[in-house]
All heavy atoms as atom14 arrays in JSON, in Angstrom:
{
  "sequence": "MAVNVRGVFLGIRAAFRQFAAQGGTGSIAITGSIGSLRGSADLLAYQT",
  "atom14_mask": [
    [1, 1, 1, 1, 1, 1, 1, 1, 0, 0, 0, 0, 0, 0],
    [1, 1, 1, 1, 1, 0, 0, 0, 0, 0, 0, 0, 0, 0],
    [1, 1, 1, 1, 1, 1, 1, 0, 0, 0, 0, 0, 0, 0],
    [1, 1, 1, 1, 1, 1, 1, 1, 0, 0, 0, 0, 0, 0],
    [1, 1, 1, 1, 1, 1, 1, 0, 0, 0, 0, 0, 0, 0],
    [1, 1, 1, 1, 1, 1, 1, 1, 1, 1, 1, 0, 0, 0],
    [1, 1, 1, 1, 0, 0, 0, 0, 0, 0, 0, 0, 0, 0],
    [1, 1, 1, 1, 1, 1, 1, 0, 0, 0, 0, 0, 0, 0],
    [1, 1, 1, 1, 1, 1, 1, 1, 1, 1, 1, 0, 0, 0],
    [1, 1, 1, 1, 1, 1, 1, 1, 0, 0, 0, 0, 0, 0],
    [1, 1, 1, 1, 0, 0, 0, 0, 0, 0, 0, 0, 0, 0],
    [1, 1, 1, 1, 1, 1, 1, 1, 0, 0, 0, 0, 0, 0],
    [1, 1, 1, 1, 1, 1, 1, 1, 1, 1, 1, 0, 0, 0],
    [1, 1, 1, 1, 1, 0, 0, 0, 0, 0, 0, 0, 0, 0],
    [1, 1, 1, 1, 1, 0, 0, 0, 0, 0, 0, 0, 0, 0],
    [1, 1, 1, 1, 1, 1, 1, 1, 1, 1, 1, 0, 0, 0],
    [1, 1, 1, 1, 1, 1, 1, 1, 1, 1, 1, 0, 0, 0],
    [1, 1, 1, 1, 1, 1, 1, 1, 1, 0, 0, 0, 0, 0],
    [1, 1, 1, 1, 1, 1, 1, 1, 1, 1, 1, 0, 0, 0],
    [1, 1, 1, 1, 1, 0, 0, 0, 0, 0, 0, 0, 0, 0],
    [1, 1, 1, 1, 1, 0, 0, 0, 0, 0, 0, 0, 0, 0],
    [1, 1, 1, 1, 1, 1, 1, 1, 1, 0, 0, 0, 0, 0],
    [1, 1, 1, 1, 0, 0, 0, 0, 0, 0, 0, 0, 0, 0],
    [1, 1, 1, 1, 0, 0, 0, 0, 0, 0, 0, 0, 0, 0],
    [1, 1, 1, 1, 1, 1, 1, 0, 0, 0, 0, 0, 0, 0],
    [1, 1, 1, 1, 0, 0, 0, 0, 0, 0, 0, 0, 0, 0],
    [1, 1, 1, 1, 1, 1, 0, 0, 0, 0, 0, 0, 0, 0],
    [1, 1, 1, 1, 1, 1, 1, 1, 0, 0, 0, 0, 0, 0],
    [1, 1, 1, 1, 1, 0, 0, 0, 0, 0, 0, 0, 0, 0],
    [1, 1, 1, 1, 1, 1, 1, 1, 0, 0, 0, 0, 0, 0],
    [1, 1, 1, 1, 1, 1, 1, 0, 0, 0, 0, 0, 0, 0],
    [1, 1, 1, 1, 0, 0, 0, 0, 0, 0, 0, 0, 0, 0],
    [1, 1, 1, 1, 1, 1, 0, 0, 0, 0, 0, 0, 0, 0],
    [1, 1, 1, 1, 1, 1, 1, 1, 0, 0, 0, 0, 0, 0],
    [1, 1, 1, 1, 0, 0, 0, 0, 0, 0, 0, 0, 0, 0],
    [1, 1, 1, 1, 1, 1, 0, 0, 0, 0, 0, 0, 0, 0],
    [1, 1, 1, 1, 1, 1, 1, 1, 0, 0, 0, 0, 0, 0],
    [1, 1, 1, 1, 1, 1, 1, 1, 1, 1, 1, 0, 0, 0],
    [1, 1, 1, 1, 0, 0, 0, 0, 0, 0, 0, 0, 0, 0],
    [1, 1, 1, 1, 1, 1, 0, 0, 0, 0, 0, 0, 0, 0],
    [1, 1, 1, 1, 1, 0, 0, 0, 0, 0, 0, 0, 0, 0],
    [1, 1, 1, 1, 1, 1, 1, 1, 0, 0, 0, 0, 0, 0],
    [1, 1, 1, 1, 1, 1, 1, 1, 0, 0, 0, 0, 0, 0],
    [1, 1, 1, 1, 1, 1, 1, 1, 0, 0, 0, 0, 0, 0],
    [1, 1, 1, 1, 1, 0, 0, 0, 0, 0, 0, 0, 0, 0],
    [1, 1, 1, 1, 1, 1, 1, 1, 1, 1, 1, 1, 0, 0],
    [1, 1, 1, 1, 1, 1, 1, 1, 1, 0, 0, 0, 0, 0],
    [1, 1, 1, 1, 1, 1, 1, 0, 0, 0, 0, 0, 0, 0]
  ],
  "atom14_positions": [
    [[-10.19, 4.68, 3.61], [-9.25, 5.03, 2.55], [-8.0, 5.69, 3.1], [-6.89, 5.51, 2.57], [-9.95, 5.91, 1.53], [-11.12, 5.25, 0.77], [-10.59, 3.86, -0.28], [-9.94, 4.79, -1.65], [0.0, 0.0, 0.0], [0.0, 0.0, 0.0], [0.0, 0.0, 0.0], [0.0, 0.0, 0.0], [0.0, 0.0, 0.0], [0.0, 0.0, 0.0]],
    [[-8.14, 6.46, 4.15], [-7.01, 7.19, 4.73], [-5.97, 6.2, 5.25], [-4.76, 6.38, 4.98], [-7.47, 8.11, 5.84], [0.0, 0.0, 0.0], [0.0, 0.0, 0.0], [0.0, 0.0, 0.0], [0.0, 0.0, 0.0], [0.0, 0.0, 0.0], [0.0, 0.0, 0.0], [0.0, 0.0, 0.0], [0.0, 0.0, 0.0], [0.0, 0.0, 0.0]],
    [[-6.39, 5.19, 5.98], [-5.46, 4.21, 6.49], [-4.95, 3.25, 5.41], [-3.76, 3.05, 5.23], [-6.1, 3.41, 7.67], [-5.12, 2.34, 8.17], [-6.49, 4.34, 8.82], [0.0, 0.0, 0.0], [0.0, 0.0, 0.0], [0.0, 0.0, 0.0], [0.0, 0.0, 0.0], [0.0, 0.0, 0.0], [0.0, 0.0, 0.0], [0.0, 0.0, 0.0]],
    [[-5.9, 2.68, 4.66], [-5.57, 1.58, 3.77], [-4.93, 1.99, 2.48], [-4.2, 1.21, 1.84], [-6.81, 0.74, 3.44], [-7.39, 0.07, 4.69], [-6.93, 0.27, 5.8], [-8.38, -0.78, 4.48], [0.0, 0.0, 0.0], [0.0, 0.0, 0.0], [0.0, 0.0, 0.0], [0.0, 0.0, 0.0], [0.0, 0.0, 0.0], [0.0, 0.0, 0.0]],
    [[-5.22, 3.24, 2.0], [-4.64, 3.65, 0.73], [-3.62, 4.79, 0.93], [-2.49, 4.7, 0.51], [-5.75, 4.14, -0.25], [-5.16, 4.54, -1.56], [-6.8, 3.03, -0.46], [0.0, 0.0, 0.0], [0.0, 0.0, 0.0], [0.0, 0.0, 0.0], [0.0, 0.0, 0.0], [0.0, 0.0, 0.0], [0.0, 0.0, 0.0], [0.0, 0.0, 0.0]],
    [[-4.05, 5.85, 1.59], [-3.13, 6.96, 1.83], [-1.93, 6.45, 2.66], [-0.77, 6.85, 2.37], [-3.88, 8.08, 2.59], [-2.98, 9.28, 2.97], [-3.79, 10.28, 3.72], [-2.98, 11.32, 4.35], [-2.58, 12.43, 3.78], [-2.97, 12.71, 2.52], [-1.85, 13.31, 4.41], [0.0, 0.0, 0.0], [0.0, 0.0, 0.0], [0.0, 0.0, 0.0]],
    [[-2.18, 5.58, 3.63], [-1.1, 5.05, 4.47], [-0.1, 4.27, 3.68], [1.11, 4.35, 3.87], [0.0, 0.0, 0.0], [0.0, 0.0, 0.0], [0.0, 0.0, 0.0], [0.0, 0.0, 0.0], [0.0, 0.0, 0.0], [0.0, 0.0, 0.0], [0.0, 0.0, 0.0], [0.0, 0.0, 0.0], [0.0, 0.0, 0.0], [0.0, 0.0, 0.0]],
    [[-0.59, 3.49, 2.66], [0.31, 2.72, 1.82], [1.08, 3.66, 0.86], [2.28, 3.5, 0.67], [-0.48, 1.68, 0.98], [0.39, 1.01, -0.07], [-1.07, 0.6, 1.91], [0.0, 0.0, 0.0], [0.0, 0.0, 0.0], [0.0, 0.0, 0.0], [0.0, 0.0, 0.0], [0.0, 0.0, 0.0], [0.0, 0.0, 0.0], [0.0, 0.0, 0.0]],
    [[0.4, 4.64, 0.3], [1.06, 5.64, -0.53], [2.19, 6.31, 0.21], [3.34, 6.43, -0.25], [0.1, 6.66, -1.07], [0.75, 7.93, -1.5], [1.57, 7.98, -2.63], [0.56, 9.13, -0.76], [2.19, 9.16, -3.03], [1.19, 10.27, -1.14], [1.98, 10.33, -2.25], [0.0, 0.0, 0.0], [0.0, 0.0, 0.0], [0.0, 0.0, 0.0]],
    [[1.88, 6.82, 1.43], [2.89, 7.56, 2.2], [4.06, 6.62, 2.56], [5.21, 7.05, 2.54], [2.28, 8.11, 3.49], [1.25, 9.24, 3.27], [0.58, 9.6, 4.59], [1.89, 10.45, 2.62], [0.0, 0.0, 0.0], [0.0, 0.0, 0.0], [0.0, 0.0, 0.0], [0.0, 0.0, 0.0], [0.0, 0.0, 0.0], [0.0, 0.0, 0.0]],
    [[3.76, 5.37, 2.87], [4.8, 4.42, 3.2], [5.71, 4.11, 2.05], [6.95, 4.03, 2.17], [0.0, 0.0, 0.0], [0.0, 0.0, 0.0], [0.0, 0.0, 0.0], [0.0, 0.0, 0.0], [0.0, 0.0, 0.0], [0.0, 0.0, 0.0], [0.0, 0.0, 0.0], [0.0, 0.0, 0.0], [0.0, 0.0, 0.0], [0.0, 0.0, 0.0]],
    [[5.1, 3.88, 0.85], [5.88, 3.66, -0.36], [6.77, 4.83, -0.66], [7.95, 4.7, -0.93], [4.98, 3.32, -1.54], [4.3, 1.99, -1.39], [5.77, 3.38, -2.86], [3.25, 1.68, -2.43], [0.0, 0.0, 0.0], [0.0, 0.0, 0.0], [0.0, 0.0, 0.0], [0.0, 0.0, 0.0], [0.0, 0.0, 0.0], [0.0, 0.0, 0.0]],
    [[6.18, 6.03, -0.58], [6.96, 7.24, -0.87], [8.11, 7.4, 0.06], [9.24, 7.71, -0.36], [6.04, 8.45, -0.83], [6.69, 9.75, -1.34], [5.75, 10.92, -1.22], [5.54, 11.31, 0.15], [4.83, 12.39, 0.52], [4.25, 13.13, -0.41], [4.66, 12.68, 1.79], [0.0, 0.0, 0.0], [0.0, 0.0, 0.0], [0.0, 0.0, 0.0]],
    [[7.87, 7.19, 1.35], [8.95, 7.31, 2.34], [10.04, 6.28, 2.09], [11.26, 6.57, 2.26], [8.38, 7.15, 3.77], [0.0, 0.0, 0.0], [0.0, 0.0, 0.0], [0.0, 0.0, 0.0], [0.0, 0.0, 0.0], [0.0, 0.0, 0.0], [0.0, 0.0, 0.0], [0.0, 0.0, 0.0], [0.0, 0.0, 0.0], [0.0, 0.0, 0.0]],
    [[9.64, 5.05, 1.73], [10.65, 4.02, 1.46], [11.51, 4.4, 0.28], [12.75, 4.3, 0.33], [9.95, 2.69, 1.22], [0.0, 0.0, 0.0], [0.0, 0.0, 0.0], [0.0, 0.0, 0.0], [0.0, 0.0, 0.0], [0.0, 0.0, 0.0], [0.0, 0.0, 0.0], [0.0, 0.0, 0.0], [0.0, 0.0, 0.0], [0.0, 0.0, 0.0]],
    [[10.92, 4.83, -0.83], [11.7, 5.25, -1.98], [12.62, 6.4, -1.64], [13.78, 6.45, -2.12], [10.73, 5.63, -3.12], [10.4, 4.47, -4.01], [9.25, 3.76, -3.82], [11.25, 4.1, -5.08], [8.92, 2.66, -4.63], [10.91, 3.03, -5.89], [9.76, 2.31, -5.66], [0.0, 0.0, 0.0], [0.0, 0.0, 0.0], [0.0, 0.0, 0.0]],
    [[12.16, 7.36, -0.89], [13.0, 8.48, -0.53], [14.19, 7.99, 0.32], [15.34, 8.5, 0.14], [12.21, 9.53, 0.24], [11.2, 10.33, -0.61], [10.37, 11.24, 0.2], [9.55, 12.11, -0.66], [8.65, 13.0, -0.21], [8.46, 13.13, 1.09], [7.95, 13.73, -1.05], [0.0, 0.0, 0.0], [0.0, 0.0, 0.0], [0.0, 0.0, 0.0]],
    [[13.95, 7.11, 1.21], [15.05, 6.59, 2.04], [16.02, 5.77, 1.27], [17.23, 5.86, 1.46], [14.48, 5.8, 3.26], [15.54, 5.35, 4.21], [16.37, 6.5, 4.8], [15.87, 7.59, 5.05], [17.67, 6.25, 4.97], [0.0, 0.0, 0.0], [0.0, 0.0, 0.0], [0.0, 0.0, 0.0], [0.0, 0.0, 0.0], [0.0, 0.0, 0.0]],
    [[15.51, 4.9, 0.42], [16.42, 4.09, -0.41], [17.3, 5.01, -1.26], [18.5, 4.74, -1.4], [15.61, 3.17, -1.36], [14.76, 2.14, -0.65], [13.67, 1.61, -1.31], [15.04, 1.7, 0.61], [12.86, 0.63, -0.69], [14.29, 0.72, 1.23], [13.17, 0.23, 0.59], [0.0, 0.0, 0.0], [0.0, 0.0, 0.0], [0.0, 0.0, 0.0]],
    [[16.75, 6.08, -1.81], [17.57, 7.02, -2.6], [18.59, 7.69, -1.74], [19.77, 7.86, -2.16], [16.64, 8.04, -3.29], [0.0, 0.0, 0.0], [0.0, 0.0, 0.0], [0.0, 0.0, 0.0], [0.0, 0.0, 0.0], [0.0, 0.0, 0.0], [0.0, 0.0, 0.0], [0.0, 0.0, 0.0], [0.0, 0.0, 0.0], [0.0, 0.0, 0.0]],
    [[18.21, 8.11, -0.52], [19.17, 8.76, 0.38], [20.34, 7.85, 0.76], [21.45, 8.3, 0.96], [18.44, 9.25, 1.63], [0.0, 0.0, 0.0], [0.0, 0.0, 0.0], [0.0, 0.0, 0.0], [0.0, 0.0, 0.0], [0.0, 0.0, 0.0], [0.0, 0.0, 0.0], [0.0, 0.0, 0.0], [0.0, 0.0, 0.0], [0.0, 0.0, 0.0]],
    [[20.04, 6.54, 0.83], [21.07, 5.61, 1.15], [21.94, 5.21, -0.05], [22.99, 4.58, 0.12], [20.39, 4.29, 1.72], [19.68, 4.5, 3.02], [18.77, 3.32, 3.38], [18.07, 3.41, 4.39], [18.81, 2.27, 2.63], [0.0, 0.0, 0.0], [0.0, 0.0, 0.0], [0.0, 0.0, 0.0], [0.0, 0.0, 0.0], [0.0, 0.0, 0.0]],
    [[21.44, 5.6, -1.23], [22.16, 5.26, -2.41], [22.16, 3.79, -2.73], [23.06, 3.24, -3.35], [0.0, 0.0, 0.0], [0.0, 0.0, 0.0], [0.0, 0.0, 0.0], [0.0, 0.0, 0.0], [0.0, 0.0, 0.0], [0.0, 0.0, 0.0], [0.0, 0.0, 0.0], [0.0, 0.0, 0.0], [0.0, 0.0, 0.0], [0.0, 0.0, 0.0]],
    [[21.04, 3.1, -2.29], [20.97, 1.66, -2.54], [19.61, 1.21, -3.03], [18.79, 2.0, -3.46], [0.0, 0.0, 0.0], [0.0, 0.0, 0.0], [0.0, 0.0, 0.0], [0.0, 0.0, 0.0], [0.0, 0.0, 0.0], [0.0, 0.0, 0.0], [0.0, 0.0, 0.0], [0.0, 0.0, 0.0], [0.0, 0.0, 0.0], [0.0, 0.0, 0.0]],
    [[19.42, -0.08, -2.93], [18.15, -0.67, -3.36], [17.31, -1.05, -2.14], [17.68, -0.82, -1.0], [18.44, -1.93, -4.22], [19.14, -2.9, -3.39], [19.28, -1.55, -5.41], [0.0, 0.0, 0.0], [0.0, 0.0, 0.0], [0.0, 0.0, 0.0], [0.0, 0.0, 0.0], [0.0, 0.0, 0.0], [0.0, 0.0, 0.0], [0.0, 0.0, 0.0]],
    [[16.19, -1.69, -2.37], [15.3, -2.13, -1.29], [14.21, -2.96, -1.78], [14.05, -3.16, -3.0], [0.0, 0.0, 0.0], [0.0, 0.0, 0.0], [0.0, 0.0, 0.0], [0.0, 0.0, 0.0], [0.0, 0.0, 0.0], [0.0, 0.0, 0.0], [0.0, 0.0, 0.0], [0.0, 0.0, 0.0], [0.0, 0.0, 0.0], [0.0, 0.0, 0.0]],
    [[13.37, -3.44, -0.9], [12.25, -4.28, -1.25], [11.04, -3.89, -0.38], [11.17, -3.62, 0.8], [12.59, -5.74, -1.03], [11.53, -6.58, -1.45], [0.0, 0.0, 0.0], [0.0, 0.0, 0.0], [0.0, 0.0, 0.0], [0.0, 0.0, 0.0], [0.0, 0.0, 0.0], [0.0, 0.0, 0.0], [0.0, 0.0, 0.0], [0.0, 0.0, 0.0]],
    [[9.89, -3.86, -1.04], [8.62, -3.45, -0.35], [7.6, -4.55, -0.6], [7.48, -5.11, -1.72], [8.09, -2.14, -0.93], [9.08, -1.01, -0.75], [6.75, -1.77, -0.31], [8.75, 0.28, -1.49], [0.0, 0.0, 0.0], [0.0, 0.0, 0.0], [0.0, 0.0, 0.0], [0.0, 0.0, 0.0], [0.0, 0.0, 0.0], [0.0, 0.0, 0.0]],
    [[6.85, -4.89, 0.45], [5.73, -5.81, 0.3], [4.47, -5.15, 0.89], [4.56, -4.5, 1.98], [5.99, -7.14, 1.06], [0.0, 0.0, 0.0], [0.0, 0.0, 0.0], [0.0, 0.0, 0.0], [0.0, 0.0, 0.0], [0.0, 0.0, 0.0], [0.0, 0.0, 0.0], [0.0, 0.0, 0.0], [0.0, 0.0, 0.0], [0.0, 0.0, 0.0]],
    [[3.38, -5.26, 0.17], [2.13, -4.64, 0.55], [1.13, -5.76, 0.91], [1.07, -6.77, 0.19], [1.55, -3.81, -0.6], [2.51, -2.67, -0.98], [0.2, -3.21, -0.2], [2.2, -1.98, -2.27], [0.0, 0.0, 0.0], [0.0, 0.0, 0.0], [0.0, 0.0, 0.0], [0.0, 0.0, 0.0], [0.0, 0.0, 0.0], [0.0, 0.0, 0.0]],
    [[0.34, -5.56, 1.93], [-0.72, -6.49, 2.23], [-1.98, -6.03, 1.5], [-2.58, -5.02, 1.86], [-1.0, -6.59, 3.74], [0.17, -7.03, 4.41], [-2.16, -7.57, 4.01], [0.0, 0.0, 0.0], [0.0, 0.0, 0.0], [0.0, 0.0, 0.0], [0.0, 0.0, 0.0], [0.0, 0.0, 0.0], [0.0, 0.0, 0.0], [0.0, 0.0, 0.0]],
    [[-2.32, -6.78, 0.46], [-3.61, -6.58, -0.23], [-4.63, -7.48, 0.4], [-4.69, -7.65, 1.63], [0.0, 0.0, 0.0], [0.0, 0.0, 0.0], [0.0, 0.0, 0.0], [0.0, 0.0, 0.0], [0.0, 0.0, 0.0], [0.0, 0.0, 0.0], [0.0, 0.0, 0.0], [0.0, 0.0, 0.0], [0.0, 0.0, 0.0], [0.0, 0.0, 0.0]],
    [[-5.49, -8.1, -0.44], [-6.53, -8.95, 0.09], [-7.14, -9.71, -1.06], [-7.04, -9.3, -2.21], [-7.6, -8.08, 0.78], [-8.79, -8.79, 1.04], [0.0, 0.0, 0.0], [0.0, 0.0, 0.0], [0.0, 0.0, 0.0], [0.0, 0.0, 0.0], [0.0, 0.0, 0.0], [0.0, 0.0, 0.0], [0.0, 0.0, 0.0], [0.0, 0.0, 0.0]],
    [[-7.86, -10.8, -0.73], [-8.72, -11.39, -1.76], [-9.72, -10.35, -2.24], [-10.18, -10.42, -3.38], [-9.44, -12.65, -1.17], [-10.03, -13.49, -2.32], [-10.45, -12.28, -0.12], [-10.59, -14.83, -1.87], [0.0, 0.0, 0.0], [0.0, 0.0, 0.0], [0.0, 0.0, 0.0], [0.0, 0.0, 0.0], [0.0, 0.0, 0.0], [0.0, 0.0, 0.0]],
    [[-9.98, -9.4, -1.38], [-10.87, -8.27, -1.77], [-10.22, -7.33, -2.8], [-10.91, -6.5, -3.38], [0.0, 0.0, 0.0], [0.0, 0.0, 0.0], [0.0, 0.0, 0.0], [0.0, 0.0, 0.0], [0.0, 0.0, 0.0], [0.0, 0.0, 0.0], [0.0, 0.0, 0.0], [0.0, 0.0, 0.0], [0.0, 0.0, 0.0], [0.0, 0.0, 0.0]],
    [[-8.94, -7.47, -3.04], [-8.27, -6.75, -4.1], [-8.61, -7.33, -5.48], [-8.47, -6.66, -6.5], [-6.76, -6.78, -3.97], [-6.31, -6.24, -2.75], [0.0, 0.0, 0.0], [0.0, 0.0, 0.0], [0.0, 0.0, 0.0], [0.0, 0.0, 0.0], [0.0, 0.0, 0.0], [0.0, 0.0, 0.0], [0.0, 0.0, 0.0], [0.0, 0.0, 0.0]],
    [[-9.01, -8.6, -5.47], [-9.19, -9.34, -6.71], [-10.63, -9.73, -7.01], [-10.95, -10.11, -8.14], [-8.35, -10.67, -6.63], [-6.89, -10.47, -6.22], [-6.25, -11.86, -5.99], [-6.13, -9.71, -7.27], [0.0, 0.0, 0.0], [0.0, 0.0, 0.0], [0.0, 0.0, 0.0], [0.0, 0.0, 0.0], [0.0, 0.0, 0.0], [0.0, 0.0, 0.0]],
    [[-11.5, -9.67, -6.02], [-12.88, -10.08, -6.16], [-13.81, -9.03, -5.55], [-13.34, -8.14, -4.84], [-13.1, -11.42, -5.46], [-12.28, -12.6, -6.02], [-12.71, -12.99, -7.43], [-11.98, -14.13, -7.89], [-10.83, -14.05, -8.6], [-10.32, -12.91, -8.85], [-10.22, -15.18, -9.02], [0.0, 0.0, 0.0], [0.0, 0.0, 0.0], [0.0, 0.0, 0.0]],
    [[-15.07, -9.17, -5.79], [-16.05, -8.2, -5.26], [-17.1, -8.88, -4.39], [-17.36, -10.05, -4.53], [0.0, 0.0, 0.0], [0.0, 0.0, 0.0], [0.0, 0.0, 0.0], [0.0, 0.0, 0.0], [0.0, 0.0, 0.0], [0.0, 0.0, 0.0], [0.0, 0.0, 0.0], [0.0, 0.0, 0.0], [0.0, 0.0, 0.0], [0.0, 0.0, 0.0]],
    [[-17.72, -8.08, -3.48], [-18.86, -8.54, -2.75], [-19.64, -7.3, -2.32], [-19.18, -6.18, -2.5], [-18.42, -9.35, -1.51], [-17.86, -8.5, -0.51], [0.0, 0.0, 0.0], [0.0, 0.0, 0.0], [0.0, 0.0, 0.0], [0.0, 0.0, 0.0], [0.0, 0.0, 0.0], [0.0, 0.0, 0.0], [0.0, 0.0, 0.0], [0.0, 0.0, 0.0]],
    [[-20.8, -7.52, -1.79], [-21.72, -6.41, -1.47], [-21.43, -5.81, -0.09], [-22.03, -4.78, 0.27], [-23.18, -6.84, -1.56], [0.0, 0.0, 0.0], [0.0, 0.0, 0.0], [0.0, 0.0, 0.0], [0.0, 0.0, 0.0], [0.0, 0.0, 0.0], [0.0, 0.0, 0.0], [0.0, 0.0, 0.0], [0.0, 0.0, 0.0], [0.0, 0.0, 0.0]],
    [[-20.58, -6.45, 0.71], [-20.3, -5.92, 2.08], [-18.86, -5.39, 2.07], [-18.08, -5.6, 1.16], [-20.52, -6.94, 3.15], [-19.69, -8.19, 2.96], [-18.98, -8.3, 1.93], [-19.68, -9.04, 3.87], [0.0, 0.0, 0.0], [0.0, 0.0, 0.0], [0.0, 0.0, 0.0], [0.0, 0.0, 0.0], [0.0, 0.0, 0.0], [0.0, 0.0, 0.0]],
    [[-18.53, -4.71, 3.14], [-17.19, -4.09, 3.34], [-16.75, -3.34, 2.1], [-15.63, -3.45, 1.58], [-16.16, -5.23, 3.62], [-16.25, -5.88, 5.0], [-15.22, -7.02, 5.13], [-16.06, -4.89, 6.12], [0.0, 0.0, 0.0], [0.0, 0.0, 0.0], [0.0, 0.0, 0.0], [0.0, 0.0, 0.0], [0.0, 0.0, 0.0], [0.0, 0.0, 0.0]],
    [[-17.66, -2.45, 1.61], [-17.41, -1.77, 0.36], [-16.17, -0.86, 0.42], [-15.35, -0.84, -0.5], [-18.65, -0.94, -0.03], [-18.52, -0.19, -1.36], [-18.39, -1.16, -2.52], [-19.71, 0.72, -1.57], [0.0, 0.0, 0.0], [0.0, 0.0, 0.0], [0.0, 0.0, 0.0], [0.0, 0.0, 0.0], [0.0, 0.0, 0.0], [0.0, 0.0, 0.0]],
    [[-16.02, -0.09, 1.52], [-14.87, 0.79, 1.6], [-13.58, -0.03, 1.66], [-12.57, 0.33, 1.04], [-15.0, 1.68, 2.84], [0.0, 0.0, 0.0], [0.0, 0.0, 0.0], [0.0, 0.0, 0.0], [0.0, 0.0, 0.0], [0.0, 0.0, 0.0], [0.0, 0.0, 0.0], [0.0, 0.0, 0.0], [0.0, 0.0, 0.0], [0.0, 0.0, 0.0]],
    [[-13.58, -1.12, 2.43], [-12.4, -2.0, 2.54], [-12.05, -2.54, 1.16], [-10.87, -2.49, 0.73], [-12.72, -3.11, 3.52], [-11.57, -4.16, 3.64], [-10.48, -3.86, 4.41], [-11.64, -5.36, 2.96], [-9.42, -4.82, 4.54], [-10.64, -6.3, 3.08], [-9.53, -6.0, 3.87], [-8.53, -6.93, 3.97], [0.0, 0.0, 0.0], [0.0, 0.0, 0.0]],
    [[-13.03, -3.07, 0.44], [-12.74, -3.64, -0.85], [-12.21, -2.59, -1.86], [-11.27, -2.86, -2.62], [-13.99, -4.27, -1.46], [-14.34, -5.55, -0.75], [-15.1, -6.5, -1.66], [-14.66, -6.83, -2.73], [-16.27, -6.89, -1.21], [0.0, 0.0, 0.0], [0.0, 0.0, 0.0], [0.0, 0.0, 0.0], [0.0, 0.0, 0.0], [0.0, 0.0, 0.0]],
    [[-12.82, -1.42, -1.81], [-12.32, -0.34, -2.7], [-10.88, 0.0, -2.38], [-10.06, 0.18, -3.28], [-13.22, 0.9, -2.49], [-14.6, 0.56, -2.8], [-12.79, 2.02, -3.45], [0.0, 0.0, 0.0], [0.0, 0.0, 0.0], [0.0, 0.0, 0.0], [0.0, 0.0, 0.0], [0.0, 0.0, 0.0], [0.0, 0.0, 0.0], [0.0, 0.0, 0.0]]
  ]
}
């Protein structure tokens, strides 16, 4: 969760702060997974 969720949160926050400091716009893309949309019994932490 620290890498896959906290890392994305911190990255999004940093991007928004920088876009504001530049006085402009920007674009962000996140790598999710088929595990974002479906469930299985393995890789529970990853899927969460």
